[in-house]
Amino acid sequence: MAPGLIGTAALAVVVSLAVHVVLNCPIQPVPSPTLPAARYPPNNLLQGLIAPEDVYVDAAAGGTLYTATRDGWLQRMHPNGSWEQWRFVGGTGLLGIAPSADGSMIVCDAHKGLLRVEEKRVTILASTVQGSTIRFASSLIMGKETCSVSYLCAYLLFLPLPDAPQILRFADAAIKAADGTVYFSDACTRFGFDQWFLAYIESRPTGCLLKYDPRTGNASVELDNLAFANGVALSRDEAFVVVCESGGYT
């Protein structure tokens, strides 16, 4: 059959299927509601940064914005819209950030743990929780952004069994209380940062909410069985902590 006839036949099949669906589909969808007018005008001020994960806005400084990027920097945007590479932390796993009253910044590093970043010093506050390490040393058999189905299947075959002891963790988001206590999320205890998508495929609630006590220098588990624990926030009176479950579908 000539190529032109094949194309025509294929088009006829597609059109026939479309007509069949339109004439015989039992559903009666309602029109999508009109979106409300945006409260704030859209902007692209964060474009150009390398994968910013979290932001903190300092209202007392006129709206100065802070964020951490995957090139290892804490970046600062001034009220006039100009950007400054504020403090260098290093690494490629910087995620959540939270301010401290002393001017330092609390940073969740998916590979190292919970950090305090000062002007000329980076301190690891917590890299273990009750005997398990928070940091994750990447040893992937796939590229950073692409993975063939065969590679993914091969990788899954060599994962540890669900009931085996798990020590892979990664710090995700944090918030600091007035007394210096830091609450932060451990997204998944089975997979590290570079394998986060496997946590969604597996759908096991292995994340938890952690608490760092500055008096003892230790971190402990406050709440476990969370499905990909993510953002963390304190109520205004610090009476309770809110933690988001990105993998919680109930």
Protein backbone atom coordinates (compact mmCIF):
# COMPACT_ATOMS: atom_id res chain seq x y z
CA MET A 1 0.00 0.00 0.00
CA ALA A 2 1.31 3.44 -0.87
CA PRO A 3 2.46 5.65 2.06
CA GLY A 4 -0.19 8.22 1.19
CA LEU A 5 -2.96 5.65 1.44
CA ILE A 6 -1.64 4.42 4.80
CA GLY A 7 -1.72 7.95 6.18
CA THR A 8 -5.24 8.50 4.89
CA ALA A 9 -6.44 5.22 6.39
CA ALA A 10 -4.88 6.06 9.75
CA LEU A 11 -6.51 9.49 9.75
CA ALA A 12 -9.88 7.92 8.92
CA VAL A 13 -9.54 5.52 11.86
CA VAL A 14 -8.68 8.36 14.26
CA VAL A 15 -11.61 10.47 13.05
CA SER A 16 -13.97 7.49 13.33
CA LEU A 17 -12.89 6.82 16.90
CA ALA A 18 -13.31 10.48 17.82
CA VAL A 19 -16.83 10.56 16.35
CA HIS A 20 -17.70 7.33 18.15
CA VAL A 21 -16.55 8.73 21.49
CA VAL A 22 -18.45 12.00 21.00
CA LEU A 23 -21.70 10.24 20.03
CA ASN A 24 -21.58 7.40 22.54
CA CYS A 25 -19.71 8.71 25.58
CA PRO A 26 -22.05 8.49 28.62
CA ILE A 27 -20.41 11.23 30.69
CA GLN A 28 -21.74 14.78 30.79
CA PRO A 29 -18.87 16.99 31.98
CA VAL A 30 -19.55 20.45 33.34
CA PRO A 31 -17.49 23.42 32.16
CA SER A 32 -14.41 24.25 34.18
CA PRO A 33 -15.02 27.11 36.62
CA THR A 34 -13.52 30.48 35.85
CA LEU A 35 -10.32 30.98 37.77
CA PRO A 36 -10.36 33.87 40.25
CA ALA A 37 -8.32 36.92 39.47
CA ALA A 38 -4.72 36.64 40.71
CA ARG A 39 -4.15 38.50 43.95
CA TYR A 40 -0.57 39.23 42.97
CA PRO A 41 0.78 39.82 39.47
CA PRO A 42 2.83 36.94 38.06
CA ASN A 43 6.59 37.32 37.88
CA ASN A 44 9.67 35.32 36.94
CA LEU A 45 11.99 36.50 39.70
CA LEU A 46 13.04 32.95 40.62
CA GLN A 47 13.79 31.93 37.06
CA GLY A 48 17.46 31.52 36.31
CA LEU A 49 18.25 29.96 39.69
CA ILE A 50 19.29 26.32 39.86
CA ALA A 51 16.33 24.42 41.33
CA PRO A 52 15.33 26.58 44.32
CA GLU A 53 13.39 24.37 46.77
CA ASP A 54 12.24 26.66 49.58
CA VAL A 55 12.00 30.38 50.27
CA TYR A 56 12.04 32.61 53.34
CA VAL A 57 10.86 36.22 53.18
CA ASP A 58 12.27 38.62 55.77
CA ALA A 59 9.49 41.16 56.23
CA ALA A 60 11.59 43.18 58.67
CA ALA A 61 14.17 43.70 55.92
CA GLY A 62 11.65 45.06 53.45
CA GLY A 63 10.80 41.72 51.89
CA THR A 64 14.30 40.36 51.32
CA LEU A 65 13.93 36.79 50.03
CA TYR A 66 16.24 33.87 50.75
CA THR A 67 16.43 30.51 49.01
CA ALA A 68 18.82 27.57 48.65
CA THR A 69 19.85 26.29 45.24
CA ARG A 70 21.36 23.03 43.99
CA ASP A 71 24.68 24.67 43.12
CA GLY A 72 25.43 24.92 46.84
CA TRP A 73 24.52 28.57 47.46
CA LEU A 74 22.15 30.37 49.77
CA GLN A 75 20.86 33.12 47.51
CA ARG A 76 19.36 36.42 48.62
CA MET A 77 17.05 38.65 46.59
CA HIS A 78 16.93 42.27 47.70
CA PRO A 79 13.73 44.35 47.63
CA ASN A 80 14.84 45.94 44.35
CA GLY A 81 14.85 42.51 42.67
CA SER A 82 18.63 42.06 42.47
CA TRP A 83 20.15 38.71 43.46
CA GLU A 84 23.19 38.07 45.64
CA GLN A 85 25.04 34.82 46.26
CA TRP A 86 24.82 35.26 50.00
CA ARG A 87 26.55 32.29 51.62
CA PHE A 88 28.19 29.25 50.10
CA VAL A 89 27.33 25.88 51.64
CA GLY A 90 28.43 23.47 48.93
CA GLY A 91 26.88 20.26 47.71
CA THR A 92 23.92 19.56 45.45
CA GLY A 93 21.25 18.62 47.99
CA LEU A 94 20.18 21.88 49.63
CA LEU A 95 16.43 21.84 50.29
CA GLY A 96 14.47 23.54 53.09
CA ILE A 97 15.68 26.63 54.93
CA ALA A 98 14.63 28.37 58.15
CA PRO A 99 15.95 31.56 59.78
CA SER A 100 17.52 31.83 63.22
CA ALA A 101 17.31 34.81 65.55
CA ASP A 102 21.12 35.07 65.65
CA GLY A 103 21.29 35.71 61.90
CA SER A 104 22.31 32.20 60.91
CA MET A 105 20.24 30.00 58.64
CA ILE A 106 19.07 26.45 59.27
CA VAL A 107 19.41 24.38 56.09
CA CYS A 108 18.29 20.87 55.26
CA ASP A 109 20.93 19.12 53.19
CA ALA A 110 19.64 15.88 51.70
CA HIS A 111 23.14 14.38 51.75
CA LYS A 112 24.62 15.77 54.99
CA GLY A 113 21.66 16.31 57.34
CA LEU A 114 20.60 19.38 59.32
CA LEU A 115 22.99 22.33 58.99
CA ARG A 116 23.51 25.74 60.58
CA VAL A 117 25.01 28.21 58.13
CA GLU A 118 26.78 31.25 59.56
CA GLU A 119 28.80 33.93 57.82
CA LYS A 120 32.04 31.96 57.65
CA ARG A 121 31.10 28.57 58.98
CA VAL A 122 28.82 25.63 58.23
CA THR A 123 28.01 23.32 61.15
CA ILE A 124 26.29 19.95 60.93
CA LEU A 125 23.73 19.96 63.73
CA ALA A 126 22.36 16.48 63.15
CA SER A 127 23.42 13.71 60.80
CA THR A 128 21.97 10.78 62.77
CA VAL A 129 18.63 10.02 64.39
CA GLN A 130 18.50 7.31 67.03
CA GLY A 131 21.32 5.41 65.39
CA SER A 132 20.31 5.89 61.76
CA THR A 133 22.07 8.26 59.42
CA ILE A 134 20.19 11.20 57.88
CA ARG A 135 22.63 11.83 55.07
CA PHE A 136 22.53 9.78 51.87
CA ALA A 137 25.52 8.81 49.77
CA SER A 138 24.33 8.51 46.18
CA SER A 139 25.30 5.38 44.27
CA LEU A 140 22.89 5.30 41.35
CA ILE A 141 23.06 3.23 38.21
CA MET A 142 21.10 5.84 36.27
CA GLY A 143 21.63 9.38 35.02
CA LYS A 144 20.53 12.47 36.93
CA GLU A 145 17.39 13.15 34.95
CA THR A 146 16.70 10.19 32.65
CA CYS A 147 16.41 6.48 33.22
CA SER A 148 15.35 3.74 30.84
CA VAL A 149 12.70 1.24 31.94
CA SER A 150 15.22 -1.60 31.84
CA TYR A 151 17.63 0.29 34.14
CA LEU A 152 14.83 1.13 36.56
CA CYS A 153 13.68 -2.50 36.72
CA ALA A 154 17.25 -3.69 37.24
CA TYR A 155 17.68 -1.17 40.04
CA LEU A 156 14.46 -2.22 41.76
CA LEU A 157 15.59 -5.86 41.71
CA PHE A 158 18.57 -5.03 43.89
CA LEU A 159 16.81 -2.86 46.47
CA PRO A 160 16.76 -4.16 50.06
CA LEU A 161 13.68 -5.98 51.23
CA PRO A 162 10.99 -3.83 52.95
CA ASP A 163 11.62 -5.46 56.35
CA ALA A 164 15.41 -5.06 56.26
CA PRO A 165 17.00 -2.43 58.54
CA GLN A 166 16.90 0.93 56.77
CA ILE A 167 19.42 3.70 57.31
CA LEU A 168 18.87 5.85 54.21
CA ARG A 169 17.29 9.15 55.12
CA PHE A 170 17.24 12.70 53.80
CA ALA A 171 16.42 15.95 55.56
CA ASP A 172 13.81 17.92 53.64
CA ALA A 173 12.25 20.95 55.38
CA ALA A 174 12.72 22.66 58.74
CA ILE A 175 11.31 25.27 61.12
CA LYS A 176 12.92 26.67 64.27
CA ALA A 177 11.02 27.39 67.49
CA ALA A 178 11.71 30.27 69.85
CA ASP A 179 13.56 28.01 72.31
CA GLY A 180 15.96 26.86 69.59
CA THR A 181 14.29 23.51 68.93
CA VAL A 182 14.29 22.62 65.24
CA TYR A 183 11.52 20.50 63.75
CA PHE A 184 12.38 19.01 60.39
CA SER A 185 11.08 16.36 58.04
CA ASP A 186 12.77 13.17 56.95
CA ALA A 187 11.00 12.53 53.66
CA CYS A 188 11.71 8.82 53.35
CA THR A 189 13.76 6.35 55.38
CA ARG A 190 14.19 3.89 52.49
CA PHE A 191 15.35 6.07 49.62
CA GLY A 192 17.65 9.06 49.45
CA PHE A 193 17.28 12.35 47.67
CA ASP A 194 18.36 11.16 44.22
CA GLN A 195 15.83 8.33 44.43
CA TRP A 196 12.85 10.26 45.77
CA PHE A 197 10.59 9.12 42.93
CA LEU A 198 10.99 5.50 44.08
CA ALA A 199 9.25 6.46 47.32
CA TYR A 200 6.19 7.44 45.28
CA ILE A 201 6.33 4.22 43.28
CA GLU A 202 6.56 2.14 46.45
CA SER A 203 3.96 4.22 48.35
CA ARG A 204 5.14 3.16 51.80
CA PRO A 205 4.73 5.68 54.65
CA THR A 206 8.35 5.62 55.82
CA GLY A 207 8.90 9.35 56.38
CA CYS A 208 8.87 11.05 59.75
CA LEU A 209 8.96 14.34 61.62
CA LEU A 210 12.16 14.87 63.60
CA LYS A 211 13.08 17.18 66.46
CA TYR A 212 16.56 18.57 67.06
CA ASP A 213 17.20 19.55 70.69
CA PRO A 214 19.96 22.22 70.94
CA ARG A 215 20.51 21.42 74.62
CA THR A 216 21.55 17.83 73.95
CA GLY A 217 22.65 18.17 70.34
CA ASN A 218 20.56 15.12 69.45
CA ALA A 219 17.69 14.53 67.04
CA SER A 220 14.72 12.30 67.80
CA VAL A 221 11.62 11.04 66.00
CA GLU A 222 8.47 12.94 66.93
CA LEU A 223 6.09 11.32 64.43
CA ASP A 224 6.63 8.44 62.02
CA ASN A 225 4.65 6.54 59.37
CA LEU A 226 4.37 9.65 57.19
CA ALA A 227 4.01 9.34 53.42
CA PHE A 228 6.91 11.41 52.06
CA ALA A 229 7.10 13.99 54.86
CA ASN A 230 7.75 17.38 53.30
CA GLY A 231 7.03 20.97 54.39
CA VAL A 232 7.02 21.85 58.09
CA ALA A 233 5.46 24.85 59.87
CA LEU A 234 4.78 26.00 63.44
CA SER A 235 1.58 27.62 64.61
CA ARG A 236 1.89 31.27 65.62
CA ASP A 237 1.81 30.38 69.33
CA GLU A 238 4.04 27.33 68.69
CA ALA A 239 1.37 25.07 70.20
CA PHE A 240 1.57 22.58 67.34
CA VAL A 241 3.59 21.61 64.28
CA VAL A 242 2.17 21.10 60.81
CA VAL A 243 3.89 18.65 58.46
CA CYS A 244 2.85 17.99 54.85
CA GLU A 245 2.61 14.46 53.46
CA SER A 246 3.32 14.76 49.75
CA GLY A 247 2.64 11.06 49.28
CA GLY A 248 -0.52 10.95 51.40
CA TYR A 249 -3.51 10.40 49.15
CA THR A 250 -6.18 9.91 51.82
